[in-house]
Amino acid sequence: MNVLILYLLTIIVPVIDSEPEGLKVGDKAPNFIGTDQMGNEVVLTDVLKEGKVILTFYRGAWCRYCMKQMNDYQDSLAMIHEKGATLIAISPEHDKGIQLTVEKAGVQFSLIHDDNLDIMKDYDVISDEKLEEFRRLSKETEEDITRKYIPVPAIYIINETGIIEFVSFNANYKERVSVAELLANL
């Protein structure tokens, strides 16, 4: 019985051995399947058939830096689409937090709740930063408040063959790459 419990804990609770490094330019982007805020299944390999993908990881609706970024993305969505790209955002937030992001930023691109942190693990963006700010500011469910991990706000541009062409990975969540820089790299 104890062995089973230990095994389940290793599957359910991510272990952070060291600071995340994220994936690098030239790496193959791990495929993922998620459900967005509109109930649509989003499969990375399917979206890549339509063109490049900007994949962004954000902390949540409670983070003012993330919300500024989501607003900037939404304001620039037409330009992103004109470049033939699709924007997908990944967050550990549950439905209530995702909906709050949609309401605050008027988001019309896919927001995916990474329920078991599988996507964040595959892209090596899980931060071991403690969630004191989250606990103070969050209006989310009790389940969200007890989450232990959030992502480094990383951004990847992935080409049609699944190769990462651009990376922005900065553990300082206050520093974000501009939409202009993303557009220049599409």
C-alpha atoms as a PDB file:
ATOM      1  CA  MET A   1       0.000   0.000   0.000  1.00  0.00           C
ATOM      2  CA  ASN A   2       2.813   2.434   0.892  1.00  0.00           C
ATOM      3  CA  VAL A   3       4.530   1.680  -2.413  1.00  0.00           C
ATOM      4  CA  LEU A   4       1.315   2.498  -4.290  1.00  0.00           C
ATOM      5  CA  ILE A   5       0.939   5.815  -2.453  1.00  0.00           C
ATOM      6  CA  LEU A   6       4.554   6.766  -3.204  1.00  0.00           C
ATOM      7  CA  TYR A   7       4.072   5.837  -6.847  1.00  0.00           C
ATOM      8  CA  LEU A   8       0.908   7.935  -7.130  1.00  0.00           C
ATOM      9  CA  LEU A   9       2.614  10.908  -5.505  1.00  0.00           C
ATOM     10  CA  THR A  10       5.433  10.773  -8.063  1.00  0.00           C
ATOM     11  CA  ILE A  11       2.871  10.904 -10.863  1.00  0.00           C
ATOM     12  CA  ILE A  12       0.589  13.564  -9.388  1.00  0.00           C
ATOM     13  CA  VAL A  13       3.038  15.933  -7.690  1.00  0.00           C
ATOM     14  CA  PRO A  14       5.767  17.350  -9.918  1.00  0.00           C
ATOM     15  CA  VAL A  15       9.188  17.332  -8.358  1.00  0.00           C
ATOM     16  CA  ILE A  16      11.329  20.384  -8.950  1.00  0.00           C
ATOM     17  CA  ASP A  17      14.980  19.303  -8.703  1.00  0.00           C
ATOM     18  CA  SER A  18      16.475  22.441 -10.175  1.00  0.00           C
ATOM     19  CA  GLU A  19      15.555  25.698 -11.781  1.00  0.00           C
ATOM     20  CA  PRO A  20      13.712  25.204 -15.059  1.00  0.00           C
ATOM     21  CA  GLU A  21      15.610  25.954 -18.242  1.00  0.00           C
ATOM     22  CA  GLY A  22      12.892  25.602 -20.847  1.00  0.00           C
ATOM     23  CA  LEU A  23      13.357  24.254 -24.322  1.00  0.00           C
ATOM     24  CA  LYS A  24      15.855  25.771 -26.738  1.00  0.00           C
ATOM     25  CA  VAL A  25      15.827  27.001 -30.324  1.00  0.00           C
ATOM     26  CA  GLY A  26      16.151  23.938 -32.563  1.00  0.00           C
ATOM     27  CA  ASP A  27      14.411  21.582 -30.122  1.00  0.00           C
ATOM     28  CA  LYS A  28      11.400  19.568 -31.241  1.00  0.00           C
ATOM     29  CA  ALA A  29       8.301  20.958 -29.527  1.00  0.00           C
ATOM     30  CA  PRO A  30       6.442  18.304 -27.543  1.00  0.00           C
ATOM     31  CA  ASN A  31       2.958  17.674 -28.867  1.00  0.00           C
ATOM     32  CA  PHE A  32       0.045  18.264 -26.527  1.00  0.00           C
ATOM     33  CA  ILE A  33      -3.715  17.958 -26.474  1.00  0.00           C
ATOM     34  CA  GLY A  34      -5.772  20.376 -24.415  1.00  0.00           C
ATOM     35  CA  THR A  35      -9.239  21.855 -24.225  1.00  0.00           C
ATOM     36  CA  ASP A  36      -9.565  25.594 -24.569  1.00  0.00           C
ATOM     37  CA  GLN A  37     -12.018  27.992 -22.923  1.00  0.00           C
ATOM     38  CA  MET A  38     -14.538  27.425 -25.735  1.00  0.00           C
ATOM     39  CA  GLY A  39     -14.507  23.646 -25.278  1.00  0.00           C
ATOM     40  CA  ASN A  40     -12.452  23.031 -28.437  1.00  0.00           C
ATOM     41  CA  GLU A  41      -9.826  20.306 -28.453  1.00  0.00           C
ATOM     42  CA  VAL A  42      -6.465  21.852 -29.341  1.00  0.00           C
ATOM     43  CA  VAL A  43      -3.803  19.481 -30.683  1.00  0.00           C
ATOM     44  CA  LEU A  44      -0.492  21.169 -31.381  1.00  0.00           C
ATOM     45  CA  THR A  45       0.359  18.990 -34.406  1.00  0.00           C
ATOM     46  CA  ASP A  46      -3.027  19.805 -35.961  1.00  0.00           C
ATOM     47  CA  VAL A  47      -2.643  23.551 -35.393  1.00  0.00           C
ATOM     48  CA  LEU A  48       0.861  23.458 -36.917  1.00  0.00           C
ATOM     49  CA  LYS A  49      -0.677  22.201 -40.186  1.00  0.00           C
ATOM     50  CA  GLU A  50      -2.162  25.699 -40.525  1.00  0.00           C
ATOM     51  CA  GLY A  51       1.086  27.581 -39.835  1.00  0.00           C
ATOM     52  CA  LYS A  52       3.416  28.616 -37.052  1.00  0.00           C
ATOM     53  CA  VAL A  53       2.314  28.678 -33.407  1.00  0.00           C
ATOM     54  CA  ILE A  54       3.151  31.191 -30.728  1.00  0.00           C
ATOM     55  CA  LEU A  55       2.920  29.166 -27.515  1.00  0.00           C
ATOM     56  CA  THR A  56       2.909  31.230 -24.345  1.00  0.00           C
ATOM     57  CA  PHE A  57       2.801  30.143 -20.721  1.00  0.00           C
ATOM     58  CA  TYR A  58       1.157  32.518 -18.281  1.00  0.00           C
ATOM     59  CA  ARG A  59       0.755  32.487 -14.525  1.00  0.00           C
ATOM     60  CA  GLY A  60      -2.882  33.529 -14.254  1.00  0.00           C
ATOM     61  CA  ALA A  61      -5.509  36.253 -14.236  1.00  0.00           C
ATOM     62  CA  TRP A  62      -4.247  37.385 -10.818  1.00  0.00           C
ATOM     63  CA  CYS A  63      -0.857  38.406 -12.324  1.00  0.00           C
ATOM     64  CA  ARG A  64      -0.995  41.965 -13.640  1.00  0.00           C
ATOM     65  CA  TYR A  65       2.032  41.374 -15.892  1.00  0.00           C
ATOM     66  CA  CYS A  66       0.324  38.362 -17.457  1.00  0.00           C
ATOM     67  CA  MET A  67      -2.861  40.332 -17.967  1.00  0.00           C
ATOM     68  CA  LYS A  68      -0.976  43.151 -19.687  1.00  0.00           C
ATOM     69  CA  GLN A  69       0.587  40.543 -21.939  1.00  0.00           C
ATOM     70  CA  MET A  70      -2.800  38.924 -22.678  1.00  0.00           C
ATOM     71  CA  ASN A  71      -4.214  42.372 -23.546  1.00  0.00           C
ATOM     72  CA  ASP A  72      -1.249  43.059 -25.841  1.00  0.00           C
ATOM     73  CA  TYR A  73      -1.747  39.700 -27.554  1.00  0.00           C
ATOM     74  CA  GLN A  74      -5.447  40.333 -28.048  1.00  0.00           C
ATOM     75  CA  ASP A  75      -4.780  43.839 -29.412  1.00  0.00           C
ATOM     76  CA  SER A  76      -2.266  42.351 -31.888  1.00  0.00           C
ATOM     77  CA  LEU A  77      -4.141  39.160 -32.764  1.00  0.00           C
ATOM     78  CA  ALA A  78      -5.007  40.327 -36.297  1.00  0.00           C
ATOM     79  CA  MET A  79      -1.316  41.020 -37.021  1.00  0.00           C
ATOM     80  CA  ILE A  80      -0.360  37.603 -35.660  1.00  0.00           C
ATOM     81  CA  HIS A  81      -2.963  35.971 -37.931  1.00  0.00           C
ATOM     82  CA  GLU A  82      -1.785  38.072 -40.918  1.00  0.00           C
ATOM     83  CA  LYS A  83       1.654  36.484 -40.422  1.00  0.00           C
ATOM     84  CA  GLY A  84      -0.038  33.064 -40.660  1.00  0.00           C
ATOM     85  CA  ALA A  85       0.433  32.184 -36.997  1.00  0.00           C
ATOM     86  CA  THR A  86      -1.856  30.928 -34.250  1.00  0.00           C
ATOM     87  CA  LEU A  87      -1.557  31.988 -30.619  1.00  0.00           C
ATOM     88  CA  ILE A  88      -2.106  29.469 -27.804  1.00  0.00           C
ATOM     89  CA  ALA A  89      -1.759  30.291 -24.097  1.00  0.00           C
ATOM     90  CA  ILE A  90      -1.211  27.677 -21.362  1.00  0.00           C
ATOM     91  CA  SER A  91      -1.956  28.218 -17.657  1.00  0.00           C
ATOM     92  CA  PRO A  92      -2.298  26.096 -14.516  1.00  0.00           C
ATOM     93  CA  GLU A  93      -5.487  28.026 -13.703  1.00  0.00           C
ATOM     94  CA  HIS A  94      -8.801  26.210 -13.654  1.00  0.00           C
ATOM     95  CA  ASP A  95     -11.920  27.240 -15.572  1.00  0.00           C
ATOM     96  CA  LYS A  96     -12.808  30.140 -13.286  1.00  0.00           C
ATOM     97  CA  GLY A  97      -9.355  31.711 -13.686  1.00  0.00           C
ATOM     98  CA  ILE A  98      -9.353  31.090 -17.441  1.00  0.00           C
ATOM     99  CA  GLN A  99     -12.757  32.777 -17.724  1.00  0.00           C
ATOM    100  CA  LEU A 100     -11.492  35.709 -15.680  1.00  0.00           C
ATOM    101  CA  THR A 101      -8.632  36.103 -18.170  1.00  0.00           C
ATOM    102  CA  VAL A 102     -11.136  36.015 -21.043  1.00  0.00           C
ATOM    103  CA  GLU A 103     -13.285  38.671 -19.363  1.00  0.00           C
ATOM    104  CA  LYS A 104     -10.414  40.982 -18.373  1.00  0.00           C
ATOM    105  CA  ALA A 105      -8.552  40.838 -21.707  1.00  0.00           C
ATOM    106  CA  GLY A 106     -11.361  40.012 -24.150  1.00  0.00           C
ATOM    107  CA  VAL A 107      -9.291  37.022 -25.266  1.00  0.00           C
ATOM    108  CA  GLN A 108     -10.321  35.413 -28.551  1.00  0.00           C
ATOM    109  CA  PHE A 109      -7.421  32.954 -28.820  1.00  0.00           C
ATOM    110  CA  SER A 110      -7.124  29.539 -27.169  1.00  0.00           C
ATOM    111  CA  LEU A 111      -6.432  29.462 -23.427  1.00  0.00           C
ATOM    112  CA  ILE A 112      -5.696  25.966 -22.159  1.00  0.00           C
ATOM    113  CA  HIS A 113      -5.820  24.840 -18.538  1.00  0.00           C
ATOM    114  CA  ASP A 114      -2.860  22.505 -17.952  1.00  0.00           C
ATOM    115  CA  ASP A 115      -4.634  20.371 -15.377  1.00  0.00           C
ATOM    116  CA  ASN A 116      -1.833  18.019 -14.354  1.00  0.00           C
ATOM    117  CA  LEU A 117       0.950  20.420 -15.393  1.00  0.00           C
ATOM    118  CA  ASP A 118       1.878  17.939 -18.134  1.00  0.00           C
ATOM    119  CA  ILE A 119       2.448  20.583 -20.813  1.00  0.00           C
ATOM    120  CA  MET A 120       4.449  22.747 -18.427  1.00  0.00           C
ATOM    121  CA  LYS A 121       6.579  19.714 -17.473  1.00  0.00           C
ATOM    122  CA  ASP A 122       7.207  18.811 -21.131  1.00  0.00           C
ATOM    123  CA  TYR A 123       8.346  22.367 -21.903  1.00  0.00           C
ATOM    124  CA  ASP A 124      10.355  22.591 -18.634  1.00  0.00           C
ATOM    125  CA  VAL A 125       8.736  25.834 -17.500  1.00  0.00           C
ATOM    126  CA  ILE A 126       7.529  24.907 -14.011  1.00  0.00           C
ATOM    127  CA  SER A 127       8.819  27.454 -11.540  1.00  0.00           C
ATOM    128  CA  ASP A 128       9.414  26.530  -7.923  1.00  0.00           C
ATOM    129  CA  GLU A 129       8.487  30.076  -6.984  1.00  0.00           C
ATOM    130  CA  LYS A 130       6.206  30.130  -3.977  1.00  0.00           C
ATOM    131  CA  LEU A 131       2.725  31.403  -4.540  1.00  0.00           C
ATOM    132  CA  GLU A 132       2.447  34.031  -1.803  1.00  0.00           C
ATOM    133  CA  GLU A 133       1.379  36.704  -4.292  1.00  0.00           C
ATOM    134  CA  PHE A 134      -1.102  34.253  -5.786  1.00  0.00           C
ATOM    135  CA  ARG A 135      -2.531  33.440  -2.362  1.00  0.00           C
ATOM    136  CA  ARG A 136      -2.964  37.156  -1.602  1.00  0.00           C
ATOM    137  CA  LEU A 137      -4.436  38.220  -4.913  1.00  0.00           C
ATOM    138  CA  SER A 138      -6.242  35.193  -6.303  1.00  0.00           C
ATOM    139  CA  LYS A 139      -9.993  35.102  -6.601  1.00  0.00           C
ATOM    140  CA  GLU A 140      -9.849  31.527  -7.789  1.00  0.00           C
ATOM    141  CA  THR A 141     -11.225  28.356  -6.294  1.00  0.00           C
ATOM    142  CA  GLU A 142      -9.667  26.795  -3.197  1.00  0.00           C
ATOM    143  CA  GLU A 143      -8.223  24.108  -5.467  1.00  0.00           C
ATOM    144  CA  ASP A 144      -6.313  26.758  -7.430  1.00  0.00           C
ATOM    145  CA  ILE A 145      -5.053  28.428  -4.268  1.00  0.00           C
ATOM    146  CA  THR A 146      -3.490  25.175  -3.081  1.00  0.00           C
ATOM    147  CA  ARG A 147      -1.557  24.620  -6.329  1.00  0.00           C
ATOM    148  CA  LYS A 148       2.157  24.669  -5.635  1.00  0.00           C
ATOM    149  CA  TYR A 149       3.649  25.542  -9.004  1.00  0.00           C
ATOM    150  CA  ILE A 150       3.320  28.187 -11.690  1.00  0.00           C
ATOM    151  CA  PRO A 151       5.110  28.563 -15.023  1.00  0.00           C
ATOM    152  CA  VAL A 152       7.974  30.776 -15.954  1.00  0.00           C
ATOM    153  CA  PRO A 153       6.239  33.099 -18.448  1.00  0.00           C
ATOM    154  CA  ALA A 154       7.955  31.502 -21.447  1.00  0.00           C
ATOM    155  CA  ILE A 155       7.119  32.023 -25.104  1.00  0.00           C
ATOM    156  CA  TYR A 156       7.951  29.714 -27.994  1.00  0.00           C
ATOM    157  CA  ILE A 157       7.496  30.198 -31.715  1.00  0.00           C
ATOM    158  CA  ILE A 158       7.130  26.764 -33.287  1.00  0.00           C
ATOM    159  CA  ASN A 159       7.361  26.236 -37.043  1.00  0.00           C
ATOM    160  CA  GLU A 160       5.160  23.971 -39.150  1.00  0.00           C
ATOM    161  CA  THR A 161       7.555  21.024 -38.725  1.00  0.00           C
ATOM    162  CA  GLY A 162       7.373  21.300 -34.932  1.00  0.00           C
ATOM    163  CA  ILE A 163      10.805  22.863 -34.440  1.00  0.00           C
ATOM    164  CA  ILE A 164      11.204  25.748 -32.003  1.00  0.00           C
ATOM    165  CA  GLU A 165      12.471  28.825 -33.862  1.00  0.00           C
ATOM    166  CA  PHE A 166      12.280  31.447 -31.114  1.00  0.00           C
ATOM    167  CA  VAL A 167      12.386  31.328 -27.318  1.00  0.00           C
ATOM    168  CA  SER A 168      11.747  33.921 -24.651  1.00  0.00           C
ATOM    169  CA  PHE A 169      12.457  32.397 -21.257  1.00  0.00           C
ATOM    170  CA  ASN A 170      12.985  34.753 -18.362  1.00  0.00           C
ATOM    171  CA  ALA A 171      12.402  33.743 -14.748  1.00  0.00           C
ATOM    172  CA  ASN A 172      11.798  37.427 -13.963  1.00  0.00           C
ATOM    173  CA  TYR A 173       8.048  37.464 -14.547  1.00  0.00           C
ATOM    174  CA  LYS A 174       8.064  41.271 -14.806  1.00  0.00           C
ATOM    175  CA  GLU A 175      10.127  41.221 -18.000  1.00  0.00           C
ATOM    176  CA  ARG A 176       8.207  40.169 -21.117  1.00  0.00           C
ATOM    177  CA  VAL A 177       9.065  40.095 -24.788  1.00  0.00           C
ATOM    178  CA  SER A 178       7.092  42.564 -26.899  1.00  0.00           C
ATOM    179  CA  VAL A 179       4.548  41.573 -29.497  1.00  0.00           C
ATOM    180  CA  ALA A 180       6.626  43.538 -32.014  1.00  0.00           C
ATOM    181  CA  GLU A 181       9.577  41.197 -31.358  1.00  0.00           C
ATOM    182  CA  LEU A 182       7.332  38.154 -31.751  1.00  0.00           C
ATOM    183  CA  LEU A 183       5.967  39.479 -35.054  1.00  0.00           C
ATOM    184  CA  ALA A 184       9.517  40.145 -36.269  1.00  0.00           C
ATOM    185  CA  ASN A 185      10.365  36.481 -35.579  1.00  0.00           C
ATOM    186  CA  LEU A 186       7.377  34.973 -37.389  1.00  0.00           C
END
